[in-house]
Amino acid sequence: MKQETVTIKNRAGIHARPAALIVRTASEFESEIFIELDDMKINAKSIMGIITLGANYKSILQISAEGEDEEDAVSAIAKLFENRFEED
């Protein structure tokens, strides 16, 4: 299992557009990918799950993946957060 901690850097937090980018990226991988915020753990391939996290600016999330391409999956999702979902 591969894990990485990320911080939301875009001021709008995770709304529909970033959620769609996460799902689109996660769906490119075979691994099971999860995002955790506090006590909530959701499937990164579920747009409704991501939106229900209610993750705001400066929220700290844990990305984890398990599977054959877990390293690449976590890196790709973390890169979205690092690049502020190309919003700022």
PDB file of N, CA and C in Angstrom:
ATOM      1  N   MET A   1       0.839  -1.185   0.000  1.00  0.00           N
ATOM      2  CA  MET A   1       0.000   0.000   0.000  1.00  0.00           C
ATOM      3  C   MET A   1       0.881   1.246   0.000  1.00  0.00           C
ATOM      4  N   LYS A   2       0.540   2.166  -0.859  1.00  0.00           N
ATOM      5  CA  LYS A   2       1.247   3.448  -0.973  1.00  0.00           C
ATOM      6  C   LYS A   2       0.342   4.537  -0.399  1.00  0.00           C
ATOM      7  N   GLN A   3       0.929   5.444   0.383  1.00  0.00           N
ATOM      8  CA  GLN A   3       0.167   6.545   0.980  1.00  0.00           C
ATOM      9  C   GLN A   3       0.923   7.849   0.829  1.00  0.00           C
ATOM     10  N   GLU A   4       0.163   8.945   0.764  1.00  0.00           N
ATOM     11  CA  GLU A   4       0.766  10.270   0.727  1.00  0.00           C
ATOM     12  C   GLU A   4      -0.215  11.271   1.327  1.00  0.00           C
ATOM     13  N   THR A   5       0.320  12.217   2.069  1.00  0.00           N
ATOM     14  CA  THR A   5      -0.491  13.278   2.664  1.00  0.00           C
ATOM     15  C   THR A   5      -0.416  14.505   1.775  1.00  0.00           C
ATOM     16  N   VAL A   6      -1.581  15.107   1.517  1.00  0.00           N
ATOM     17  CA  VAL A   6      -1.652  16.298   0.674  1.00  0.00           C
ATOM     18  C   VAL A   6      -2.474  17.367   1.380  1.00  0.00           C
ATOM     19  N   THR A   7      -2.250  18.613   0.979  1.00  0.00           N
ATOM     20  CA  THR A   7      -3.007  19.742   1.507  1.00  0.00           C
ATOM     21  C   THR A   7      -3.701  20.444   0.352  1.00  0.00           C
ATOM     22  N   ILE A   8      -4.946  20.823   0.556  1.00  0.00           N
ATOM     23  CA  ILE A   8      -5.680  21.546  -0.483  1.00  0.00           C
ATOM     24  C   ILE A   8      -5.167  22.972  -0.534  1.00  0.00           C
ATOM     25  N   LYS A   9      -4.630  23.353  -1.676  1.00  0.00           N
ATOM     26  CA  LYS A   9      -4.007  24.670  -1.832  1.00  0.00           C
ATOM     27  C   LYS A   9      -4.873  25.663  -2.596  1.00  0.00           C
ATOM     28  N   ASN A  10      -5.887  25.171  -3.298  1.00  0.00           N
ATOM     29  CA  ASN A  10      -6.750  26.108  -4.011  1.00  0.00           C
ATOM     30  C   ASN A  10      -7.841  26.615  -3.063  1.00  0.00           C
ATOM     31  N   ARG A  11      -8.113  27.892  -3.109  1.00  0.00           N
ATOM     32  CA  ARG A  11      -9.008  28.535  -2.141  1.00  0.00           C
ATOM     33  C   ARG A  11     -10.437  28.015  -2.175  1.00  0.00           C
ATOM     34  N   ALA A  12     -10.893  27.519  -3.309  1.00  0.00           N
ATOM     35  CA  ALA A  12     -12.269  27.036  -3.419  1.00  0.00           C
ATOM     36  C   ALA A  12     -12.452  25.628  -2.840  1.00  0.00           C
ATOM     37  N   GLY A  13     -11.360  24.968  -2.489  1.00  0.00           N
ATOM     38  CA  GLY A  13     -11.458  23.608  -1.968  1.00  0.00           C
ATOM     39  C   GLY A  13     -11.828  22.630  -3.066  1.00  0.00           C
ATOM     40  N   ILE A  14     -12.365  21.486  -2.664  1.00  0.00           N
ATOM     41  CA  ILE A  14     -12.770  20.492  -3.656  1.00  0.00           C
ATOM     42  C   ILE A  14     -14.252  20.686  -3.949  1.00  0.00           C
ATOM     43  N   HIS A  15     -14.526  21.201  -5.131  1.00  0.00           N
ATOM     44  CA  HIS A  15     -15.905  21.355  -5.612  1.00  0.00           C
ATOM     45  C   HIS A  15     -16.052  20.460  -6.839  1.00  0.00           C
ATOM     46  N   ALA A  16     -17.051  20.671  -7.653  1.00  0.00           N
ATOM     47  CA  ALA A  16     -17.357  19.743  -8.755  1.00  0.00           C
ATOM     48  C   ALA A  16     -16.206  19.549  -9.742  1.00  0.00           C
ATOM     49  N   ARG A  17     -15.552  20.625 -10.158  1.00  0.00           N
ATOM     50  CA  ARG A  17     -14.486  20.495 -11.167  1.00  0.00           C
ATOM     51  C   ARG A  17     -13.282  19.705 -10.639  1.00  0.00           C
ATOM     52  N   PRO A  18     -12.731  20.063  -9.466  1.00  0.00           N
ATOM     53  CA  PRO A  18     -11.629  19.254  -8.941  1.00  0.00           C
ATOM     54  C   PRO A  18     -12.044  17.803  -8.664  1.00  0.00           C
ATOM     55  N   ALA A  19     -13.267  17.611  -8.193  1.00  0.00           N
ATOM     56  CA  ALA A  19     -13.746  16.245  -7.930  1.00  0.00           C
ATOM     57  C   ALA A  19     -13.750  15.439  -9.229  1.00  0.00           C
ATOM     58  N   ALA A  20     -14.200  16.051 -10.318  1.00  0.00           N
ATOM     59  CA  ALA A  20     -14.215  15.363 -11.615  1.00  0.00           C
ATOM     60  C   ALA A  20     -12.799  15.041 -12.083  1.00  0.00           C
ATOM     61  N   LEU A  21     -11.859  15.962 -11.858  1.00  0.00           N
ATOM     62  CA  LEU A  21     -10.464  15.697 -12.231  1.00  0.00           C
ATOM     63  C   LEU A  21      -9.890  14.526 -11.435  1.00  0.00           C
ATOM     64  N   ILE A  22     -10.210  14.470 -10.156  1.00  0.00           N
ATOM     65  CA  ILE A  22      -9.718  13.371  -9.313  1.00  0.00           C
ATOM     66  C   ILE A  22     -10.281  12.046  -9.816  1.00  0.00           C
ATOM     67  N   VAL A  23     -11.589  12.006 -10.070  1.00  0.00           N
ATOM     68  CA  VAL A  23     -12.223  10.765 -10.530  1.00  0.00           C
ATOM     69  C   VAL A  23     -11.658  10.339 -11.875  1.00  0.00           C
ATOM     70  N   ARG A  24     -11.506  11.290 -12.788  1.00  0.00           N
ATOM     71  CA  ARG A  24     -10.972  10.974 -14.117  1.00  0.00           C
ATOM     72  C   ARG A  24      -9.558  10.400 -14.002  1.00  0.00           C
ATOM     73  N   THR A  25      -8.738  11.023 -13.164  1.00  0.00           N
ATOM     74  CA  THR A  25      -7.365  10.550 -12.980  1.00  0.00           C
ATOM     75  C   THR A  25      -7.342   9.189 -12.294  1.00  0.00           C
ATOM     76  N   ALA A  26      -8.116   9.038 -11.228  1.00  0.00           N
ATOM     77  CA  ALA A  26      -8.143   7.771 -10.484  1.00  0.00           C
ATOM     78  C   ALA A  26      -8.621   6.619 -11.360  1.00  0.00           C
ATOM     79  N   SER A  27      -9.545   6.911 -12.255  1.00  0.00           N
ATOM     80  CA  SER A  27     -10.114   5.866 -13.114  1.00  0.00           C
ATOM     81  C   SER A  27      -9.124   5.328 -14.142  1.00  0.00           C
ATOM     82  N   GLU A  28      -8.013   6.015 -14.327  1.00  0.00           N
ATOM     83  CA  GLU A  28      -6.982   5.545 -15.248  1.00  0.00           C
ATOM     84  C   GLU A  28      -6.152   4.401 -14.664  1.00  0.00           C
ATOM     85  N   PHE A  29      -6.330   4.128 -13.375  1.00  0.00           N
ATOM     86  CA  PHE A  29      -5.507   3.131 -12.691  1.00  0.00           C
ATOM     87  C   PHE A  29      -6.342   1.935 -12.243  1.00  0.00           C
ATOM     88  N   GLU A  30      -5.697   0.785 -12.180  1.00  0.00           N
ATOM     89  CA  GLU A  30      -6.351  -0.440 -11.729  1.00  0.00           C
ATOM     90  C   GLU A  30      -6.463  -0.504 -10.201  1.00  0.00           C
ATOM     91  N   SER A  31      -5.544   0.142  -9.518  1.00  0.00           N
ATOM     92  CA  SER A  31      -5.509   0.090  -8.049  1.00  0.00           C
ATOM     93  C   SER A  31      -6.778   0.638  -7.425  1.00  0.00           C
ATOM     94  N   GLU A  32      -7.062   0.175  -6.221  1.00  0.00           N
ATOM     95  CA  GLU A  32      -8.101   0.786  -5.402  1.00  0.00           C
ATOM     96  C   GLU A  32      -7.472   2.040  -4.786  1.00  0.00           C
ATOM     97  N   ILE A  33      -8.139   3.174  -4.936  1.00  0.00           N
ATOM     98  CA  ILE A  33      -7.591   4.441  -4.464  1.00  0.00           C
ATOM     99  C   ILE A  33      -8.592   5.068  -3.510  1.00  0.00           C
ATOM    100  N   PHE A  34      -8.093   5.521  -2.357  1.00  0.00           N
ATOM    101  CA  PHE A  34      -8.954   6.119  -1.346  1.00  0.00           C
ATOM    102  C   PHE A  34      -8.416   7.479  -0.924  1.00  0.00           C
ATOM    103  N   ILE A  35      -9.339   8.343  -0.514  1.00  0.00           N
ATOM    104  CA  ILE A  35      -8.983   9.641   0.043  1.00  0.00           C
ATOM    105  C   ILE A  35      -9.629   9.721   1.416  1.00  0.00           C
ATOM    106  N   GLU A  36      -8.838  10.135   2.414  1.00  0.00           N
ATOM    107  CA  GLU A  36      -9.341  10.231   3.782  1.00  0.00           C
ATOM    108  C   GLU A  36      -9.249  11.663   4.289  1.00  0.00           C
ATOM    109  N   LEU A  37     -10.300  12.085   4.983  1.00  0.00           N
ATOM    110  CA  LEU A  37     -10.339  13.368   5.670  1.00  0.00           C
ATOM    111  C   LEU A  37     -10.974  13.103   7.022  1.00  0.00           C
ATOM    112  N   ASP A  38     -10.226  13.358   8.072  1.00  0.00           N
ATOM    113  CA  ASP A  38     -10.685  13.069   9.431  1.00  0.00           C
ATOM    114  C   ASP A  38     -11.089  11.596   9.520  1.00  0.00           C
ATOM    115  N   ASP A  39     -12.364  11.314   9.817  1.00  0.00           N
ATOM    116  CA  ASP A  39     -12.779   9.919   9.968  1.00  0.00           C
ATOM    117  C   ASP A  39     -13.527   9.393   8.742  1.00  0.00           C
ATOM    118  N   MET A  40     -13.502  10.160   7.644  1.00  0.00           N
ATOM    119  CA  MET A  40     -14.171   9.729   6.412  1.00  0.00           C
ATOM    120  C   MET A  40     -13.142   9.167   5.425  1.00  0.00           C
ATOM    121  N   LYS A  41     -13.454   8.017   4.866  1.00  0.00           N
ATOM    122  CA  LYS A  41     -12.598   7.396   3.859  1.00  0.00           C
ATOM    123  C   LYS A  41     -13.483   7.067   2.659  1.00  0.00           C
ATOM    124  N   ILE A  42     -13.150   7.648   1.504  1.00  0.00           N
ATOM    125  CA  ILE A  42     -13.995   7.470   0.332  1.00  0.00           C
ATOM    126  C   ILE A  42     -13.184   6.915  -0.837  1.00  0.00           C
ATOM    127  N   ASN A  43     -13.882   6.329  -1.771  1.00  0.00           N
ATOM    128  CA  ASN A  43     -13.288   5.804  -2.993  1.00  0.00           C
ATOM    129  C   ASN A  43     -13.004   6.985  -3.917  1.00  0.00           C
ATOM    130  N   ALA A  44     -11.777   7.127  -4.373  1.00  0.00           N
ATOM    131  CA  ALA A  44     -11.388   8.256  -5.224  1.00  0.00           C
ATOM    132  C   ALA A  44     -11.990   8.161  -6.626  1.00  0.00           C
ATOM    133  N   LYS A  45     -12.637   7.052  -6.930  1.00  0.00           N
ATOM    134  CA  LYS A  45     -13.284   6.902  -8.237  1.00  0.00           C
ATOM    135  C   LYS A  45     -14.775   7.242  -8.163  1.00  0.00           C
ATOM    136  N   SER A  46     -15.214   7.772  -7.022  1.00  0.00           N
ATOM    137  CA  SER A  46     -16.621   8.135  -6.811  1.00  0.00           C
ATOM    138  C   SER A  46     -16.749   9.649  -6.654  1.00  0.00           C
ATOM    139  N   ILE A  47     -17.354  10.300  -7.635  1.00  0.00           N
ATOM    140  CA  ILE A  47     -17.484  11.758  -7.564  1.00  0.00           C
ATOM    141  C   ILE A  47     -18.361  12.176  -6.383  1.00  0.00           C
ATOM    142  N   MET A  48     -19.414  11.440  -6.112  1.00  0.00           N
ATOM    143  CA  MET A  48     -20.282  11.780  -4.975  1.00  0.00           C
ATOM    144  C   MET A  48     -19.521  11.636  -3.656  1.00  0.00           C
ATOM    145  N   GLY A  49     -18.708  10.603  -3.556  1.00  0.00           N
ATOM    146  CA  GLY A  49     -17.917  10.419  -2.347  1.00  0.00           C
ATOM    147  C   GLY A  49     -16.969  11.576  -2.122  1.00  0.00           C
ATOM    148  N   ILE A  50     -16.309  12.007  -3.174  1.00  0.00           N
ATOM    149  CA  ILE A  50     -15.350  13.106  -3.059  1.00  0.00           C
ATOM    150  C   ILE A  50     -16.054  14.402  -2.653  1.00  0.00           C
ATOM    151  N   ILE A  51     -17.184  14.686  -3.266  1.00  0.00           N
ATOM    152  CA  ILE A  51     -17.915  15.915  -2.933  1.00  0.00           C
ATOM    153  C   ILE A  51     -18.422  15.875  -1.492  1.00  0.00           C
ATOM    154  N   THR A  52     -18.845  14.697  -1.010  1.00  0.00           N
ATOM    155  CA  THR A  52     -19.364  14.610   0.354  1.00  0.00           C
ATOM    156  C   THR A  52     -18.277  14.796   1.412  1.00  0.00           C
ATOM    157  N   LEU A  53     -17.008  14.714   1.009  1.00  0.00           N
ATOM    158  CA  LEU A  53     -15.937  14.990   1.973  1.00  0.00           C
ATOM    159  C   LEU A  53     -16.014  16.428   2.491  1.00  0.00           C
ATOM    160  N   GLY A  54     -16.467  17.333   1.643  1.00  0.00           N
ATOM    161  CA  GLY A  54     -16.534  18.745   2.040  1.00  0.00           C
ATOM    162  C   GLY A  54     -15.165  19.311   2.355  1.00  0.00           C
ATOM    163  N   ALA A  55     -14.165  18.914   1.592  1.00  0.00           N
ATOM    164  CA  ALA A  55     -12.783  19.336   1.847  1.00  0.00           C
ATOM    165  C   ALA A  55     -12.576  20.787   1.411  1.00  0.00           C
ATOM    166  N   ASN A  56     -12.143  21.607   2.343  1.00  0.00           N
ATOM    167  CA  ASN A  56     -11.937  23.034   2.114  1.00  0.00           C
ATOM    168  C   ASN A  56     -10.459  23.392   1.996  1.00  0.00           C
ATOM    169  N   TYR A  57     -10.232  24.666   1.710  1.00  0.00           N
ATOM    170  CA  TYR A  57      -8.880  25.219   1.633  1.00  0.00           C
ATOM    171  C   TYR A  57      -8.088  24.847   2.880  1.00  0.00           C
ATOM    172  N   LYS A  58      -6.895  24.382   2.686  1.00  0.00           N
ATOM    173  CA  LYS A  58      -5.941  23.965   3.717  1.00  0.00           C
ATOM    174  C   LYS A  58      -6.309  22.684   4.460  1.00  0.00           C
ATOM    175  N   SER A  59      -7.344  21.975   3.995  1.00  0.00           N
ATOM    176  CA  SER A  59      -7.644  20.661   4.574  1.00  0.00           C
ATOM    177  C   SER A  59      -6.489  19.717   4.259  1.00  0.00           C
ATOM    178  N   ILE A  60      -6.184  18.848   5.192  1.00  0.00           N
ATOM    179  CA  ILE A  60      -5.118  17.867   5.005  1.00  0.00           C
ATOM    180  C   ILE A  60      -5.761  16.510   4.780  1.00  0.00           C
ATOM    181  N   LEU A  61      -5.422  15.907   3.652  1.00  0.00           N
ATOM    182  CA  LEU A  61      -6.007  14.633   3.249  1.00  0.00           C
ATOM    183  C   LEU A  61      -4.943  13.557   3.120  1.00  0.00           C
ATOM    184  N   GLN A  62      -5.369  12.336   3.259  1.00  0.00           N
ATOM    185  CA  GLN A  62      -4.479  11.189   3.075  1.00  0.00           C
ATOM    186  C   GLN A  62      -4.937  10.447   1.827  1.00  0.00           C
ATOM    187  N   ILE A  63      -4.045  10.287   0.865  1.00  0.00           N
ATOM    188  CA  ILE A  63      -4.330   9.505  -0.334  1.00  0.00           C
ATOM    189  C   ILE A  63      -3.662   8.148  -0.154  1.00  0.00           C
ATOM    190  N   SER A  64      -4.395   7.086  -0.446  1.00  0.00           N
ATOM    191  CA  SER A  64      -3.796   5.754  -0.370  1.00  0.00           C
ATOM    192  C   SER A  64      -4.276   4.927  -1.559  1.00  0.00           C
ATOM    193  N   ALA A  65      -3.433   4.007  -1.962  1.00  0.00           N
ATOM    194  CA  ALA A  65      -3.778   3.117  -3.070  1.00  0.00           C
ATOM    195  C   ALA A  65      -3.171   1.750  -2.812  1.00  0.00           C
ATOM    196  N   GLU A  66      -3.886   0.750  -3.300  1.00  0.00           N
ATOM    197  CA  GLU A  66      -3.386  -0.609  -3.182  1.00  0.00           C
ATOM    198  C   GLU A  66      -3.653  -1.331  -4.493  1.00  0.00           C
ATOM    199  N   GLY A  67      -2.590  -1.850  -5.067  1.00  0.00           N
ATOM    200  CA  GLY A  67      -2.713  -2.563  -6.329  1.00  0.00           C
ATOM    201  C   GLY A  67      -1.432  -2.493  -7.113  1.00  0.00           C
ATOM    202  N   GLU A  68      -1.495  -3.023  -8.308  1.00  0.00           N
ATOM    203  CA  GLU A  68      -0.313  -3.148  -9.153  1.00  0.00           C
ATOM    204  C   GLU A  68       0.325  -1.802  -9.503  1.00  0.00           C
ATOM    205  N   ASP A  69      -0.501  -0.777  -9.711  1.00  0.00           N
ATOM    206  CA  ASP A  69       0.013   0.542 -10.114  1.00  0.00           C
ATOM    207  C   ASP A  69      -0.169   1.594  -9.022  1.00  0.00           C
ATOM    208  N   GLU A  70      -0.111   1.161  -7.760  1.00  0.00           N
ATOM    209  CA  GLU A  70      -0.388   2.050  -6.632  1.00  0.00           C
ATOM    210  C   GLU A  70       0.549   3.257  -6.553  1.00  0.00           C
ATOM    211  N   GLU A  71       1.815   3.062  -6.845  1.00  0.00           N
ATOM    212  CA  GLU A  71       2.778   4.183  -6.776  1.00  0.00           C
ATOM    213  C   GLU A  71       2.395   5.284  -7.758  1.00  0.00           C
ATOM    214  N   ASP A  72       2.133   4.896  -9.002  1.00  0.00           N
ATOM    215  CA  ASP A  72       1.766   5.867 -10.032  1.00  0.00           C
ATOM    216  C   ASP A  72       0.423   6.517  -9.721  1.00  0.00           C
ATOM    217  N   ALA A  73      -0.511   5.746  -9.184  1.00  0.00           N
ATOM    218  CA  ALA A  73      -1.841   6.263  -8.868  1.00  0.00           C
ATOM    219  C   ALA A  73      -1.757   7.363  -7.806  1.00  0.00           C
ATOM    220  N   VAL A  74      -1.060   7.092  -6.719  1.00  0.00           N
ATOM    221  CA  VAL A  74      -0.936   8.086  -5.644  1.00  0.00           C
ATOM    222  C   VAL A  74      -0.195   9.319  -6.152  1.00  0.00           C
ATOM    223  N   SER A  75       0.851   9.120  -6.915  1.00  0.00           N
ATOM    224  CA  SER A  75       1.608  10.256  -7.457  1.00  0.00           C
ATOM    225  C   SER A  75       0.741  11.131  -8.355  1.00  0.00           C
ATOM    226  N   ALA A  76      -0.066  10.517  -9.203  1.00  0.00           N
ATOM    227  CA  ALA A  76      -0.918  11.274 -10.127  1.00  0.00           C
ATOM    228  C   ALA A  76      -1.970  12.084  -9.381  1.00  0.00           C
ATOM    229  N   ILE A  77      -2.578  11.490  -8.364  1.00  0.00           N
ATOM    230  CA  ILE A  77      -3.598  12.204  -7.586  1.00  0.00           C
ATOM    231  C   ILE A  77      -2.939  13.329  -6.780  1.00  0.00           C
ATOM    232  N   ALA A  78      -1.799  13.048  -6.156  1.00  0.00           N
ATOM    233  CA  ALA A  78      -1.091  14.069  -5.375  1.00  0.00           C
ATOM    234  C   ALA A  78      -0.681  15.245  -6.251  1.00  0.00           C
ATOM    235  N   LYS A  79      -0.317  14.973  -7.490  1.00  0.00           N
ATOM    236  CA  LYS A  79       0.080  16.037  -8.417  1.00  0.00           C
ATOM    237  C   LYS A  79      -1.076  17.004  -8.686  1.00  0.00           C
ATOM    238  N   LEU A  80      -2.303  16.482  -8.748  1.00  0.00           N
ATOM    239  CA  LEU A  80      -3.467  17.357  -8.918  1.00  0.00           C
ATOM    240  C   LEU A  80      -3.566  18.357  -7.772  1.00  0.00           C
ATOM    241  N   PHE A  81      -3.368  17.871  -6.557  1.00  0.00           N
ATOM    242  CA  PHE A  81      -3.435  18.747  -5.381  1.00  0.00           C
ATOM    243  C   PHE A  81      -2.289  19.768  -5.421  1.00  0.00           C
ATOM    244  N   GLU A  82      -1.099  19.297  -5.762  1.00  0.00           N
ATOM    245  CA  GLU A  82       0.065  20.175  -5.809  1.00  0.00           C
ATOM    246  C   GLU A  82      -0.125  21.290  -6.840  1.00  0.00           C
ATOM    247  N   ASN A  83      -0.768  20.968  -7.957  1.00  0.00           N
ATOM    248  CA  ASN A  83      -0.988  21.954  -9.015  1.00  0.00           C
ATOM    249  C   ASN A  83      -2.284  22.751  -8.827  1.00  0.00           C
ATOM    250  N   ARG A  84      -2.890  22.633  -7.642  1.00  0.00           N
ATOM    251  CA  ARG A  84      -4.120  23.362  -7.308  1.00  0.00           C
ATOM    252  C   ARG A  84      -5.238  23.089  -8.310  1.00  0.00           C
ATOM    253  N   PHE A  85      -5.268  21.892  -8.844  1.00  0.00           N
ATOM    254  CA  PHE A  85      -6.282  21.497  -9.825  1.00  0.00           C
ATOM    255  C   PHE A  85      -6.331  22.462 -11.007  1.00  0.00           C
ATOM    256  N   GLU A  86      -5.180  23.075 -11.280  1.00  0.00           N
ATOM    257  CA  GLU A  86      -5.015  24.010 -12.389  1.00  0.00           C
ATOM    258  C   GLU A  86      -5.989  25.190 -12.307  1.00  0.00           C
ATOM    259  N   GLU A  87      -6.336  25.589 -11.077  1.00  0.00           N
ATOM    260  CA  GLU A  87      -7.289  26.693 -10.893  1.00  0.00           C
ATOM    261  C   GLU A  87      -6.638  28.016 -10.562  1.00  0.00           C
ATOM    262  N   ASP A  88      -5.585  28.010  -9.770  1.00  0.00           N
ATOM    263  CA  ASP A  88      -4.981  29.268  -9.319  1.00  0.00           C
ATOM    264  C   ASP A  88      -3.794  29.655 -10.177  1.00  0.00           C
TER     265      ASP A  88
END
